[in-house]
């Protein structure tokens, strides 16, 4: 629980009005999900910021590294994404394999069903992590941005520590820029894209 409290103190230093915090696989170990709920609240959450809807989904399973969203959440996800907003979904586990990560074993067990659901709901951006390797996929106009790791030395090969900063131009309702920020210093623009799907 002390680790959750330390994590919360770091998160509180981030200056923004809305924050979506979701658990990772290590957070769910040894009934850690109970500590997460005590410190951060619900493990799945929805936030709105103007015309942007952000849905945070718990993809963890206690004591297992493999991900699983779960059919019982599908209805809630679909209802949460039923708007013409720019739609963002965040979950810990990546839904598509990431290059340079070795044998793939930890994609959510229901990744195919979740991808179909998110595409059908007109999701614009999916945020995920887990493998500590930054990568971006474009699936039928839906951007899937996998973050690296900003604060652990458990990196692959010589891939530097990093995190993403994402800008969404609300006035144009969907011009998106993703910057990769390197912990050692420096940054690069890795994606600039206009929303090319009809609002749903």
N, C-alpha and C. Protein backbone atom coordinates (compact mmCIF):
# COMPACT_ATOMS: atom_id res chain seq x y z
N UNK A 1 0.82 -1.20 0.00
CA UNK A 1 0.00 0.00 0.00
C UNK A 1 0.86 1.26 0.00
N UNK A 2 2.03 1.17 0.59
CA UNK A 2 2.92 2.33 0.62
C UNK A 2 3.35 2.72 -0.79
N UNK A 3 3.51 1.72 -1.68
CA UNK A 3 3.88 2.02 -3.06
C UNK A 3 2.76 2.77 -3.77
N UNK A 4 1.52 2.38 -3.51
CA UNK A 4 0.39 3.10 -4.10
C UNK A 4 0.36 4.54 -3.61
N UNK A 5 0.65 4.74 -2.33
CA UNK A 5 0.65 6.10 -1.79
C UNK A 5 1.76 6.94 -2.40
N UNK A 6 2.94 6.33 -2.60
CA UNK A 6 4.02 7.06 -3.25
C UNK A 6 3.66 7.38 -4.70
N UNK A 7 3.04 6.41 -5.37
CA UNK A 7 2.62 6.65 -6.76
C UNK A 7 1.61 7.79 -6.81
N UNK A 8 0.68 7.81 -5.87
CA UNK A 8 -0.32 8.87 -5.86
C UNK A 8 0.32 10.23 -5.64
N UNK A 9 1.33 10.29 -4.77
CA UNK A 9 2.00 11.58 -4.52
C UNK A 9 2.69 12.09 -5.78
N UNK A 10 3.24 11.18 -6.58
CA UNK A 10 3.87 11.59 -7.85
C UNK A 10 2.80 12.04 -8.85
N UNK A 11 1.71 11.29 -8.93
CA UNK A 11 0.64 11.63 -9.87
C UNK A 11 0.03 12.98 -9.52
N UNK A 12 -0.08 13.28 -8.23
CA UNK A 12 -0.66 14.56 -7.81
C UNK A 12 0.18 15.75 -8.23
N UNK A 13 1.45 15.52 -8.55
CA UNK A 13 2.32 16.61 -9.00
C UNK A 13 2.06 16.99 -10.46
N UNK A 14 1.35 16.13 -11.18
CA UNK A 14 1.01 16.43 -12.58
C UNK A 14 -0.12 17.44 -12.58
N UNK A 15 0.10 18.57 -13.20
CA UNK A 15 -0.87 19.65 -13.17
C UNK A 15 -1.86 19.51 -14.32
N UNK A 16 -3.02 18.97 -14.02
CA UNK A 16 -4.12 18.91 -14.98
C UNK A 16 -5.41 18.68 -14.21
N UNK A 17 -6.52 19.07 -14.84
CA UNK A 17 -7.81 19.01 -14.15
C UNK A 17 -8.35 17.58 -14.04
N UNK A 18 -8.15 16.79 -15.09
CA UNK A 18 -8.71 15.44 -15.13
C UNK A 18 -7.57 14.42 -15.20
N UNK A 19 -7.67 13.39 -14.38
CA UNK A 19 -6.67 12.32 -14.40
C UNK A 19 -7.39 10.97 -14.41
N UNK A 20 -6.91 10.09 -15.26
CA UNK A 20 -7.42 8.72 -15.32
C UNK A 20 -6.28 7.79 -14.93
N UNK A 21 -6.44 7.08 -13.83
CA UNK A 21 -5.41 6.17 -13.33
C UNK A 21 -5.97 4.75 -13.40
N UNK A 22 -5.24 3.87 -14.09
CA UNK A 22 -5.67 2.48 -14.22
C UNK A 22 -4.56 1.56 -13.72
N UNK A 23 -4.91 0.38 -13.22
CA UNK A 23 -3.89 -0.52 -12.67
C UNK A 23 -3.13 -1.28 -13.75
N UNK A 24 -1.88 -1.64 -13.44
CA UNK A 24 -1.10 -2.53 -14.27
C UNK A 24 -1.05 -3.92 -13.65
N UNK A 25 -0.41 -4.85 -14.35
CA UNK A 25 -0.43 -6.24 -13.87
C UNK A 25 0.24 -6.39 -12.49
N UNK A 26 1.27 -5.61 -12.20
CA UNK A 26 1.92 -5.72 -10.89
C UNK A 26 1.02 -5.18 -9.78
N UNK A 27 0.14 -4.25 -10.12
CA UNK A 27 -0.77 -3.69 -9.12
C UNK A 27 -1.82 -4.69 -8.66
N UNK A 28 -2.10 -5.69 -9.50
CA UNK A 28 -3.15 -6.65 -9.18
C UNK A 28 -2.64 -7.85 -8.40
N UNK A 29 -1.33 -7.94 -8.20
CA UNK A 29 -0.77 -9.10 -7.49
C UNK A 29 -1.04 -9.03 -5.99
N UNK A 30 -1.14 -10.21 -5.39
CA UNK A 30 -1.31 -10.30 -3.93
C UNK A 30 -2.44 -9.41 -3.44
N UNK A 31 -3.57 -9.52 -4.10
CA UNK A 31 -4.78 -8.70 -3.87
C UNK A 31 -4.45 -7.21 -3.84
N UNK A 32 -3.43 -6.82 -4.60
CA UNK A 32 -3.08 -5.41 -4.67
C UNK A 32 -4.17 -4.54 -5.26
N UNK A 33 -5.09 -5.17 -6.03
CA UNK A 33 -6.19 -4.40 -6.60
C UNK A 33 -7.05 -3.77 -5.51
N UNK A 34 -7.08 -4.39 -4.32
CA UNK A 34 -7.83 -3.79 -3.21
C UNK A 34 -7.15 -2.52 -2.73
N UNK A 35 -5.81 -2.55 -2.66
CA UNK A 35 -5.07 -1.35 -2.29
C UNK A 35 -5.21 -0.27 -3.33
N UNK A 36 -5.21 -0.66 -4.60
CA UNK A 36 -5.40 0.31 -5.68
C UNK A 36 -6.74 1.02 -5.51
N UNK A 37 -7.80 0.25 -5.27
CA UNK A 37 -9.13 0.84 -5.12
C UNK A 37 -9.19 1.78 -3.92
N UNK A 38 -8.50 1.41 -2.84
CA UNK A 38 -8.52 2.26 -1.64
C UNK A 38 -7.84 3.60 -1.89
N UNK A 39 -6.76 3.59 -2.67
CA UNK A 39 -5.99 4.82 -2.90
C UNK A 39 -6.52 5.61 -4.09
N UNK A 40 -6.87 4.92 -5.18
CA UNK A 40 -7.23 5.61 -6.43
C UNK A 40 -8.71 5.55 -6.78
N UNK A 41 -9.46 4.64 -6.17
CA UNK A 41 -10.87 4.51 -6.51
C UNK A 41 -11.09 3.40 -7.53
N UNK A 42 -12.13 3.54 -8.32
CA UNK A 42 -12.52 2.48 -9.26
C UNK A 42 -11.39 2.15 -10.23
N UNK A 43 -11.29 0.87 -10.58
CA UNK A 43 -10.25 0.42 -11.51
C UNK A 43 -10.63 0.67 -12.96
N UNK A 44 -11.89 0.85 -13.25
CA UNK A 44 -12.35 1.27 -14.57
C UNK A 44 -13.14 2.55 -14.37
N UNK A 45 -12.94 3.53 -15.27
CA UNK A 45 -13.46 4.88 -15.02
C UNK A 45 -13.72 5.59 -16.33
N UNK A 46 -14.64 6.55 -16.31
CA UNK A 46 -14.89 7.40 -17.47
C UNK A 46 -14.75 8.85 -17.05
N UNK A 47 -14.07 9.64 -17.88
CA UNK A 47 -13.92 11.08 -17.65
C UNK A 47 -14.23 11.81 -18.95
N UNK A 48 -14.79 13.00 -18.81
CA UNK A 48 -15.05 13.86 -19.97
C UNK A 48 -14.29 15.16 -19.80
N UNK A 49 -13.71 15.62 -20.89
CA UNK A 49 -12.99 16.89 -20.91
C UNK A 49 -13.42 17.62 -22.17
N UNK A 50 -14.40 18.51 -22.02
CA UNK A 50 -14.95 19.17 -23.20
C UNK A 50 -15.61 18.14 -24.09
N UNK A 51 -15.18 18.08 -25.34
CA UNK A 51 -15.73 17.11 -26.29
C UNK A 51 -14.81 15.91 -26.47
N UNK A 52 -14.10 15.57 -25.41
CA UNK A 52 -13.24 14.39 -25.40
C UNK A 52 -13.72 13.46 -24.28
N UNK A 53 -13.97 12.21 -24.62
CA UNK A 53 -14.34 11.19 -23.63
C UNK A 53 -13.17 10.24 -23.45
N UNK A 54 -12.77 10.01 -22.20
CA UNK A 54 -11.68 9.10 -21.89
C UNK A 54 -12.23 7.97 -21.03
N UNK A 55 -12.07 6.74 -21.50
CA UNK A 55 -12.53 5.57 -20.76
C UNK A 55 -11.32 4.76 -20.33
N UNK A 56 -11.11 4.64 -19.03
CA UNK A 56 -10.03 3.83 -18.49
C UNK A 56 -10.55 2.46 -18.12
N UNK A 57 -9.89 1.41 -18.61
CA UNK A 57 -10.37 0.04 -18.43
C UNK A 57 -9.33 -0.78 -17.67
N UNK A 58 -9.77 -1.48 -16.65
CA UNK A 58 -8.89 -2.40 -15.93
C UNK A 58 -8.76 -3.68 -16.76
N UNK A 59 -7.54 -3.96 -17.24
CA UNK A 59 -7.31 -5.17 -18.05
C UNK A 59 -6.50 -6.21 -17.28
N UNK A 60 -6.38 -6.04 -15.96
CA UNK A 60 -5.53 -6.94 -15.17
C UNK A 60 -6.33 -8.13 -14.62
N UNK A 61 -5.57 -9.17 -14.27
CA UNK A 61 -6.12 -10.32 -13.56
C UNK A 61 -5.22 -10.58 -12.35
N UNK A 62 -5.79 -10.77 -11.18
CA UNK A 62 -4.97 -10.98 -10.00
C UNK A 62 -3.96 -12.11 -10.18
N UNK A 63 -2.69 -11.79 -9.88
CA UNK A 63 -1.60 -12.76 -9.87
C UNK A 63 -1.26 -13.36 -11.24
N UNK A 64 -1.73 -12.74 -12.32
CA UNK A 64 -1.39 -13.19 -13.67
C UNK A 64 -0.91 -11.99 -14.48
N UNK A 65 0.14 -12.20 -15.28
CA UNK A 65 0.62 -11.12 -16.14
C UNK A 65 -0.26 -10.94 -17.36
N UNK A 66 -0.97 -12.02 -17.76
CA UNK A 66 -1.83 -11.93 -18.94
C UNK A 66 -2.97 -10.95 -18.69
N UNK A 67 -3.39 -10.30 -19.75
CA UNK A 67 -4.49 -9.36 -19.64
C UNK A 67 -5.83 -10.00 -19.98
N UNK A 68 -6.90 -9.37 -19.51
CA UNK A 68 -8.26 -9.83 -19.80
C UNK A 68 -9.21 -8.69 -19.46
N UNK A 69 -9.93 -8.20 -20.45
CA UNK A 69 -10.90 -7.13 -20.19
C UNK A 69 -12.17 -7.71 -19.61
N UNK A 70 -12.72 -8.73 -20.24
CA UNK A 70 -13.90 -9.40 -19.69
C UNK A 70 -15.19 -8.97 -20.35
N UNK A 71 -15.96 -9.96 -20.76
CA UNK A 71 -17.22 -9.72 -21.45
C UNK A 71 -18.19 -8.90 -20.61
N UNK A 72 -18.08 -9.04 -19.29
CA UNK A 72 -19.01 -8.31 -18.42
C UNK A 72 -18.81 -6.80 -18.50
N UNK A 73 -17.66 -6.34 -19.03
CA UNK A 73 -17.43 -4.90 -19.16
C UNK A 73 -17.86 -4.35 -20.52
N UNK A 74 -18.13 -5.22 -21.50
CA UNK A 74 -18.36 -4.74 -22.86
C UNK A 74 -19.54 -3.77 -22.96
N UNK A 75 -20.64 -4.09 -22.28
CA UNK A 75 -21.81 -3.22 -22.33
C UNK A 75 -21.51 -1.84 -21.75
N UNK A 76 -20.79 -1.82 -20.63
CA UNK A 76 -20.42 -0.54 -20.01
C UNK A 76 -19.51 0.26 -20.93
N UNK A 77 -18.55 -0.43 -21.57
CA UNK A 77 -17.64 0.25 -22.50
C UNK A 77 -18.42 0.86 -23.65
N UNK A 78 -19.31 0.07 -24.24
CA UNK A 78 -20.09 0.56 -25.39
C UNK A 78 -20.96 1.75 -25.00
N UNK A 79 -21.60 1.68 -23.86
CA UNK A 79 -22.43 2.79 -23.39
C UNK A 79 -21.58 4.03 -23.12
N UNK A 80 -20.40 3.84 -22.56
CA UNK A 80 -19.51 4.97 -22.24
C UNK A 80 -19.02 5.68 -23.49
N UNK A 81 -18.97 4.95 -24.61
CA UNK A 81 -18.43 5.50 -25.86
C UNK A 81 -19.53 5.90 -26.83
N UNK A 82 -20.76 5.98 -26.35
CA UNK A 82 -21.90 6.31 -27.21
C UNK A 82 -22.09 7.82 -27.31
N UNK A 83 -21.19 8.48 -28.04
CA UNK A 83 -21.28 9.93 -28.23
C UNK A 83 -20.52 10.30 -29.49
N UNK A 84 -20.61 11.56 -29.87
CA UNK A 84 -19.85 12.07 -31.02
C UNK A 84 -18.51 12.68 -30.59
N UNK A 85 -18.15 12.48 -29.33
CA UNK A 85 -16.89 13.03 -28.83
C UNK A 85 -15.69 12.38 -29.52
N UNK A 86 -14.54 13.01 -29.35
CA UNK A 86 -13.27 12.34 -29.64
C UNK A 86 -13.08 11.32 -28.54
N UNK A 87 -12.91 10.05 -28.91
CA UNK A 87 -12.96 8.96 -27.93
C UNK A 87 -11.58 8.36 -27.69
N UNK A 88 -11.22 8.32 -26.41
CA UNK A 88 -9.93 7.77 -25.99
C UNK A 88 -10.19 6.62 -25.02
N UNK A 89 -9.52 5.50 -25.23
CA UNK A 89 -9.60 4.37 -24.31
C UNK A 89 -8.19 4.08 -23.79
N UNK A 90 -8.07 3.89 -22.49
CA UNK A 90 -6.77 3.58 -21.88
C UNK A 90 -6.87 2.27 -21.12
N UNK A 91 -5.90 1.39 -21.34
CA UNK A 91 -5.79 0.15 -20.58
C UNK A 91 -4.32 -0.23 -20.50
N UNK A 92 -3.97 -1.04 -19.54
CA UNK A 92 -2.55 -1.36 -19.34
C UNK A 92 -2.00 -2.24 -20.45
N UNK A 93 -2.68 -3.32 -20.77
CA UNK A 93 -2.16 -4.30 -21.71
C UNK A 93 -2.36 -3.86 -23.16
N UNK A 94 -1.35 -4.12 -23.98
CA UNK A 94 -1.44 -3.79 -25.40
C UNK A 94 -2.35 -4.80 -26.10
N UNK A 95 -3.14 -4.30 -27.06
CA UNK A 95 -4.11 -5.15 -27.76
C UNK A 95 -3.53 -5.80 -29.00
N UNK A 96 -2.38 -5.30 -29.47
CA UNK A 96 -1.70 -5.85 -30.64
C UNK A 96 -0.24 -6.06 -30.26
N UNK A 97 0.36 -7.12 -30.80
CA UNK A 97 1.77 -7.40 -30.50
C UNK A 97 2.66 -6.21 -30.83
N UNK A 98 3.72 -6.05 -30.04
CA UNK A 98 4.66 -4.95 -30.19
C UNK A 98 6.00 -5.51 -30.69
N UNK A 99 6.57 -4.93 -31.74
CA UNK A 99 7.88 -5.41 -32.21
C UNK A 99 8.96 -5.28 -31.13
N UNK A 100 9.98 -6.11 -31.25
CA UNK A 100 11.15 -6.09 -30.37
C UNK A 100 10.83 -6.44 -28.91
N UNK A 101 9.80 -7.25 -28.72
CA UNK A 101 9.44 -7.65 -27.36
C UNK A 101 9.51 -9.16 -27.15
N UNK A 102 9.99 -9.90 -28.15
CA UNK A 102 10.13 -11.34 -27.99
C UNK A 102 8.81 -12.07 -28.16
N UNK A 103 8.78 -13.28 -27.64
CA UNK A 103 7.58 -14.11 -27.81
C UNK A 103 6.39 -13.47 -27.12
N UNK A 104 5.28 -13.41 -27.83
CA UNK A 104 4.10 -12.72 -27.30
C UNK A 104 3.23 -13.68 -26.51
N UNK A 105 3.02 -13.34 -25.23
CA UNK A 105 2.19 -14.19 -24.39
C UNK A 105 1.18 -13.40 -23.58
N UNK A 106 1.26 -12.09 -23.59
CA UNK A 106 0.50 -11.33 -22.61
C UNK A 106 -0.49 -10.33 -23.20
N UNK A 107 -0.88 -10.53 -24.45
CA UNK A 107 -1.99 -9.76 -24.99
C UNK A 107 -3.26 -10.23 -24.25
N UNK A 108 -4.21 -9.33 -23.99
CA UNK A 108 -5.44 -9.78 -23.33
C UNK A 108 -6.06 -10.98 -24.05
N UNK A 109 -6.56 -11.91 -23.28
CA UNK A 109 -7.14 -13.12 -23.86
C UNK A 109 -8.29 -12.81 -24.81
N UNK A 110 -8.96 -11.70 -24.57
CA UNK A 110 -10.09 -11.31 -25.44
C UNK A 110 -9.74 -10.10 -26.30
N UNK A 111 -8.46 -9.98 -26.69
CA UNK A 111 -8.01 -8.81 -27.45
C UNK A 111 -8.79 -8.63 -28.75
N UNK A 112 -9.05 -9.72 -29.47
CA UNK A 112 -9.79 -9.62 -30.73
C UNK A 112 -11.18 -9.04 -30.53
N UNK A 113 -11.89 -9.53 -29.53
CA UNK A 113 -13.23 -9.02 -29.25
C UNK A 113 -13.19 -7.56 -28.81
N UNK A 114 -12.19 -7.20 -28.02
CA UNK A 114 -12.07 -5.82 -27.55
C UNK A 114 -11.75 -4.89 -28.72
N UNK A 115 -10.84 -5.30 -29.61
CA UNK A 115 -10.53 -4.48 -30.79
C UNK A 115 -11.76 -4.26 -31.64
N UNK A 116 -12.53 -5.32 -31.88
CA UNK A 116 -13.75 -5.19 -32.68
C UNK A 116 -14.73 -4.23 -32.03
N UNK A 117 -14.87 -4.32 -30.71
CA UNK A 117 -15.77 -3.44 -29.97
C UNK A 117 -15.33 -1.99 -30.09
N UNK A 118 -14.04 -1.72 -29.93
CA UNK A 118 -13.55 -0.34 -29.96
C UNK A 118 -13.66 0.26 -31.35
N UNK A 119 -13.36 -0.54 -32.39
CA UNK A 119 -13.52 -0.04 -33.76
C UNK A 119 -14.99 0.25 -34.04
N UNK A 120 -15.87 -0.65 -33.62
CA UNK A 120 -17.31 -0.46 -33.84
C UNK A 120 -17.82 0.78 -33.11
N UNK A 121 -17.24 1.09 -31.96
CA UNK A 121 -17.67 2.27 -31.20
C UNK A 121 -17.04 3.56 -31.72
N UNK A 122 -16.18 3.46 -32.74
CA UNK A 122 -15.57 4.66 -33.30
C UNK A 122 -14.51 5.28 -32.43
N UNK A 123 -13.77 4.46 -31.69
CA UNK A 123 -12.70 4.98 -30.84
C UNK A 123 -11.60 5.57 -31.71
N UNK A 124 -11.11 6.73 -31.32
CA UNK A 124 -10.06 7.43 -32.07
C UNK A 124 -8.66 7.06 -31.60
N UNK A 125 -8.50 6.84 -30.30
CA UNK A 125 -7.17 6.65 -29.74
C UNK A 125 -7.22 5.64 -28.60
N UNK A 126 -6.32 4.66 -28.65
CA UNK A 126 -6.17 3.68 -27.57
C UNK A 126 -4.78 3.86 -26.97
N UNK A 127 -4.72 3.99 -25.65
CA UNK A 127 -3.46 4.14 -24.93
C UNK A 127 -3.18 2.88 -24.14
N UNK A 128 -1.97 2.35 -24.26
CA UNK A 128 -1.62 1.13 -23.53
C UNK A 128 -0.11 1.12 -23.27
N UNK A 129 0.36 0.07 -22.63
CA UNK A 129 1.78 0.00 -22.27
C UNK A 129 2.22 -1.43 -22.10
N UNK A 130 2.58 -1.82 -20.90
CA UNK A 130 2.90 -3.17 -20.46
C UNK A 130 4.29 -3.65 -20.87
N UNK A 131 4.65 -3.59 -22.13
CA UNK A 131 5.91 -4.18 -22.59
C UNK A 131 7.10 -3.23 -22.51
N UNK A 132 6.89 -1.97 -22.12
CA UNK A 132 7.98 -1.00 -21.96
C UNK A 132 8.64 -0.63 -23.30
N UNK A 133 7.93 -0.84 -24.40
CA UNK A 133 8.45 -0.50 -25.72
C UNK A 133 7.46 0.43 -26.41
N UNK A 134 7.89 1.64 -26.78
CA UNK A 134 6.96 2.56 -27.45
C UNK A 134 6.71 2.12 -28.90
N UNK A 135 5.45 2.20 -29.30
CA UNK A 135 5.09 1.83 -30.67
C UNK A 135 3.71 2.40 -30.99
N UNK A 136 3.45 2.64 -32.26
CA UNK A 136 2.14 3.15 -32.68
C UNK A 136 1.62 2.31 -33.84
N UNK A 137 0.38 1.86 -33.70
CA UNK A 137 -0.33 1.17 -34.78
C UNK A 137 -1.51 2.03 -35.24
N UNK A 138 -1.85 1.93 -36.52
CA UNK A 138 -3.06 2.56 -37.06
C UNK A 138 -3.95 1.42 -37.57
N UNK A 139 -5.03 1.16 -36.86
CA UNK A 139 -5.93 0.06 -37.20
C UNK A 139 -7.28 0.63 -37.65
N UNK A 140 -7.52 0.62 -38.94
CA UNK A 140 -8.79 1.13 -39.49
C UNK A 140 -9.07 2.56 -39.03
N UNK A 141 -8.04 3.37 -38.93
CA UNK A 141 -8.21 4.76 -38.50
C UNK A 141 -8.13 4.95 -37.00
N UNK A 142 -8.11 3.87 -36.24
CA UNK A 142 -7.98 3.95 -34.78
C UNK A 142 -6.50 3.86 -34.42
N UNK A 143 -5.99 4.89 -33.76
CA UNK A 143 -4.58 4.92 -33.37
C UNK A 143 -4.41 4.16 -32.05
N UNK A 144 -3.46 3.23 -32.02
CA UNK A 144 -3.12 2.50 -30.81
C UNK A 144 -1.70 2.89 -30.43
N UNK A 145 -1.57 3.65 -29.36
CA UNK A 145 -0.27 4.19 -28.94
C UNK A 145 0.22 3.44 -27.71
N UNK A 146 1.27 2.66 -27.90
CA UNK A 146 1.87 1.93 -26.79
C UNK A 146 2.99 2.79 -26.20
N UNK A 147 2.93 3.03 -24.90
CA UNK A 147 3.94 3.85 -24.24
C UNK A 147 5.14 3.00 -23.85
N UNK A 148 6.29 3.66 -23.74
CA UNK A 148 7.47 3.00 -23.19
C UNK A 148 7.39 3.04 -21.67
N UNK A 149 8.52 3.16 -21.03
CA UNK A 149 8.55 3.30 -19.57
C UNK A 149 9.41 4.49 -19.22
N UNK A 150 8.94 5.29 -18.28
CA UNK A 150 9.65 6.51 -17.93
C UNK A 150 10.55 6.34 -16.72
N UNK A 151 10.29 5.34 -15.88
CA UNK A 151 10.96 5.33 -14.58
C UNK A 151 11.54 3.99 -14.16
N UNK A 152 11.58 3.01 -15.04
CA UNK A 152 12.22 1.75 -14.68
C UNK A 152 13.36 1.45 -15.64
N UNK A 153 14.33 0.72 -15.17
CA UNK A 153 15.46 0.33 -16.03
C UNK A 153 15.19 -0.96 -16.78
N UNK A 154 13.99 -1.51 -16.64
CA UNK A 154 13.64 -2.74 -17.34
C UNK A 154 13.22 -2.41 -18.77
N UNK A 155 14.19 -2.05 -19.57
CA UNK A 155 13.93 -1.69 -20.96
C UNK A 155 14.50 -2.77 -21.88
N UNK A 156 14.03 -2.79 -23.11
CA UNK A 156 14.47 -3.78 -24.09
C UNK A 156 15.66 -3.24 -24.88
N UNK A 157 16.71 -4.04 -24.97
CA UNK A 157 17.88 -3.72 -25.77
C UNK A 157 18.36 -2.31 -25.44
N UNK A 158 18.46 -1.40 -26.42
CA UNK A 158 18.93 -0.04 -26.14
C UNK A 158 17.81 0.99 -26.31
N UNK A 159 16.57 0.55 -26.13
CA UNK A 159 15.43 1.46 -26.25
C UNK A 159 15.41 2.36 -25.01
N UNK A 160 15.50 3.68 -25.18
CA UNK A 160 15.59 4.56 -24.01
C UNK A 160 14.25 4.71 -23.28
N UNK A 161 14.34 5.10 -22.03
CA UNK A 161 13.13 5.40 -21.25
C UNK A 161 12.39 6.57 -21.89
N UNK A 162 11.07 6.48 -21.88
CA UNK A 162 10.29 7.55 -22.51
C UNK A 162 8.86 7.52 -21.99
N UNK A 163 8.14 8.59 -22.31
CA UNK A 163 6.69 8.65 -22.09
C UNK A 163 6.10 9.49 -23.20
N UNK A 164 4.79 9.43 -23.35
CA UNK A 164 4.12 10.15 -24.43
C UNK A 164 3.41 11.39 -23.90
N UNK A 165 3.48 12.46 -24.66
CA UNK A 165 2.64 13.64 -24.44
C UNK A 165 1.75 13.76 -25.66
N UNK A 166 0.45 13.84 -25.43
CA UNK A 166 -0.52 13.81 -26.52
C UNK A 166 -1.31 15.11 -26.53
N UNK A 167 -1.38 15.73 -27.69
CA UNK A 167 -2.16 16.95 -27.88
C UNK A 167 -3.33 16.65 -28.81
N UNK A 168 -4.53 17.03 -28.37
CA UNK A 168 -5.72 16.88 -29.20
C UNK A 168 -6.32 18.26 -29.38
N UNK A 169 -6.40 18.72 -30.63
CA UNK A 169 -6.95 20.04 -30.92
C UNK A 169 -8.47 19.94 -30.88
N UNK A 170 -9.03 20.39 -29.75
CA UNK A 170 -10.47 20.22 -29.55
C UNK A 170 -11.29 21.05 -30.54
N UNK A 171 -10.78 22.20 -30.96
CA UNK A 171 -11.53 23.04 -31.89
C UNK A 171 -11.73 22.33 -33.22
N UNK A 172 -10.72 21.60 -33.66
CA UNK A 172 -10.85 20.85 -34.90
C UNK A 172 -11.40 19.45 -34.65
N UNK A 173 -11.68 19.16 -33.40
CA UNK A 173 -12.26 17.89 -32.96
C UNK A 173 -11.52 16.70 -33.54
N UNK A 174 -10.24 16.65 -33.26
CA UNK A 174 -9.57 15.43 -33.62
C UNK A 174 -8.23 15.53 -34.27
N UNK A 175 -7.64 16.71 -34.41
CA UNK A 175 -6.26 16.76 -34.85
C UNK A 175 -5.39 16.34 -33.66
N UNK A 176 -4.62 15.29 -33.86
CA UNK A 176 -3.87 14.70 -32.75
C UNK A 176 -2.38 14.71 -33.05
N UNK A 177 -1.60 15.05 -32.04
CA UNK A 177 -0.15 14.98 -32.11
C UNK A 177 0.36 14.17 -30.92
N UNK A 178 1.26 13.24 -31.19
CA UNK A 178 1.88 12.45 -30.12
C UNK A 178 3.37 12.73 -30.13
N UNK A 179 3.86 13.21 -28.99
CA UNK A 179 5.29 13.47 -28.81
C UNK A 179 5.87 12.40 -27.90
N UNK A 180 7.01 11.86 -28.27
CA UNK A 180 7.73 10.94 -27.40
C UNK A 180 8.78 11.75 -26.64
N UNK A 181 8.64 11.76 -25.33
CA UNK A 181 9.53 12.52 -24.46
C UNK A 181 10.51 11.55 -23.80
N UNK A 182 11.80 11.82 -23.97
CA UNK A 182 12.82 10.91 -23.46
C UNK A 182 13.28 11.35 -22.08
N UNK A 183 13.35 10.40 -21.17
CA UNK A 183 13.75 10.70 -19.79
C UNK A 183 15.16 11.27 -19.72
N UNK A 184 16.02 10.91 -20.66
CA UNK A 184 17.39 11.42 -20.68
C UNK A 184 17.47 12.81 -21.31
N UNK A 185 16.32 13.31 -21.81
CA UNK A 185 16.26 14.61 -22.47
C UNK A 185 15.92 14.48 -23.94
N UNK A 186 15.25 15.48 -24.46
CA UNK A 186 14.88 15.47 -25.86
C UNK A 186 13.48 14.92 -26.10
N UNK A 187 12.97 15.19 -27.27
CA UNK A 187 11.64 14.73 -27.64
C UNK A 187 11.55 14.64 -29.16
N UNK A 188 10.54 13.90 -29.64
CA UNK A 188 10.29 13.85 -31.07
C UNK A 188 8.80 13.69 -31.32
N UNK A 189 8.34 14.30 -32.40
CA UNK A 189 6.96 14.14 -32.83
C UNK A 189 6.86 12.82 -33.58
N UNK A 190 6.08 11.88 -33.06
CA UNK A 190 6.00 10.55 -33.67
C UNK A 190 4.70 10.33 -34.42
N UNK A 191 3.71 11.22 -34.23
CA UNK A 191 2.46 11.10 -34.98
C UNK A 191 1.77 12.45 -35.05
N UNK A 192 1.30 12.79 -36.23
CA UNK A 192 0.40 13.93 -36.41
C UNK A 192 -0.68 13.48 -37.38
N UNK A 193 -1.93 13.56 -36.94
CA UNK A 193 -3.01 12.96 -37.73
C UNK A 193 -4.30 13.70 -37.48
N UNK A 194 -5.07 13.87 -38.54
CA UNK A 194 -6.41 14.42 -38.41
C UNK A 194 -7.41 13.28 -38.31
N UNK A 195 -8.46 13.52 -37.57
CA UNK A 195 -9.50 12.50 -37.42
C UNK A 195 -10.10 12.22 -38.79
N UNK A 196 -10.02 10.98 -39.23
CA UNK A 196 -10.49 10.67 -40.58
C UNK A 196 -11.71 9.77 -40.59
N UNK A 197 -12.29 9.55 -39.42
CA UNK A 197 -13.51 8.73 -39.38
C UNK A 197 -14.70 9.63 -39.13
N UNK A 198 -15.85 9.20 -39.61
CA UNK A 198 -17.08 9.94 -39.32
C UNK A 198 -17.38 9.79 -37.84
N UNK A 199 -17.79 10.87 -37.20
CA UNK A 199 -18.13 10.81 -35.78
C UNK A 199 -19.28 9.85 -35.57
N UNK A 200 -19.20 9.06 -34.52
CA UNK A 200 -20.24 8.07 -34.23
C UNK A 200 -20.88 8.38 -32.90
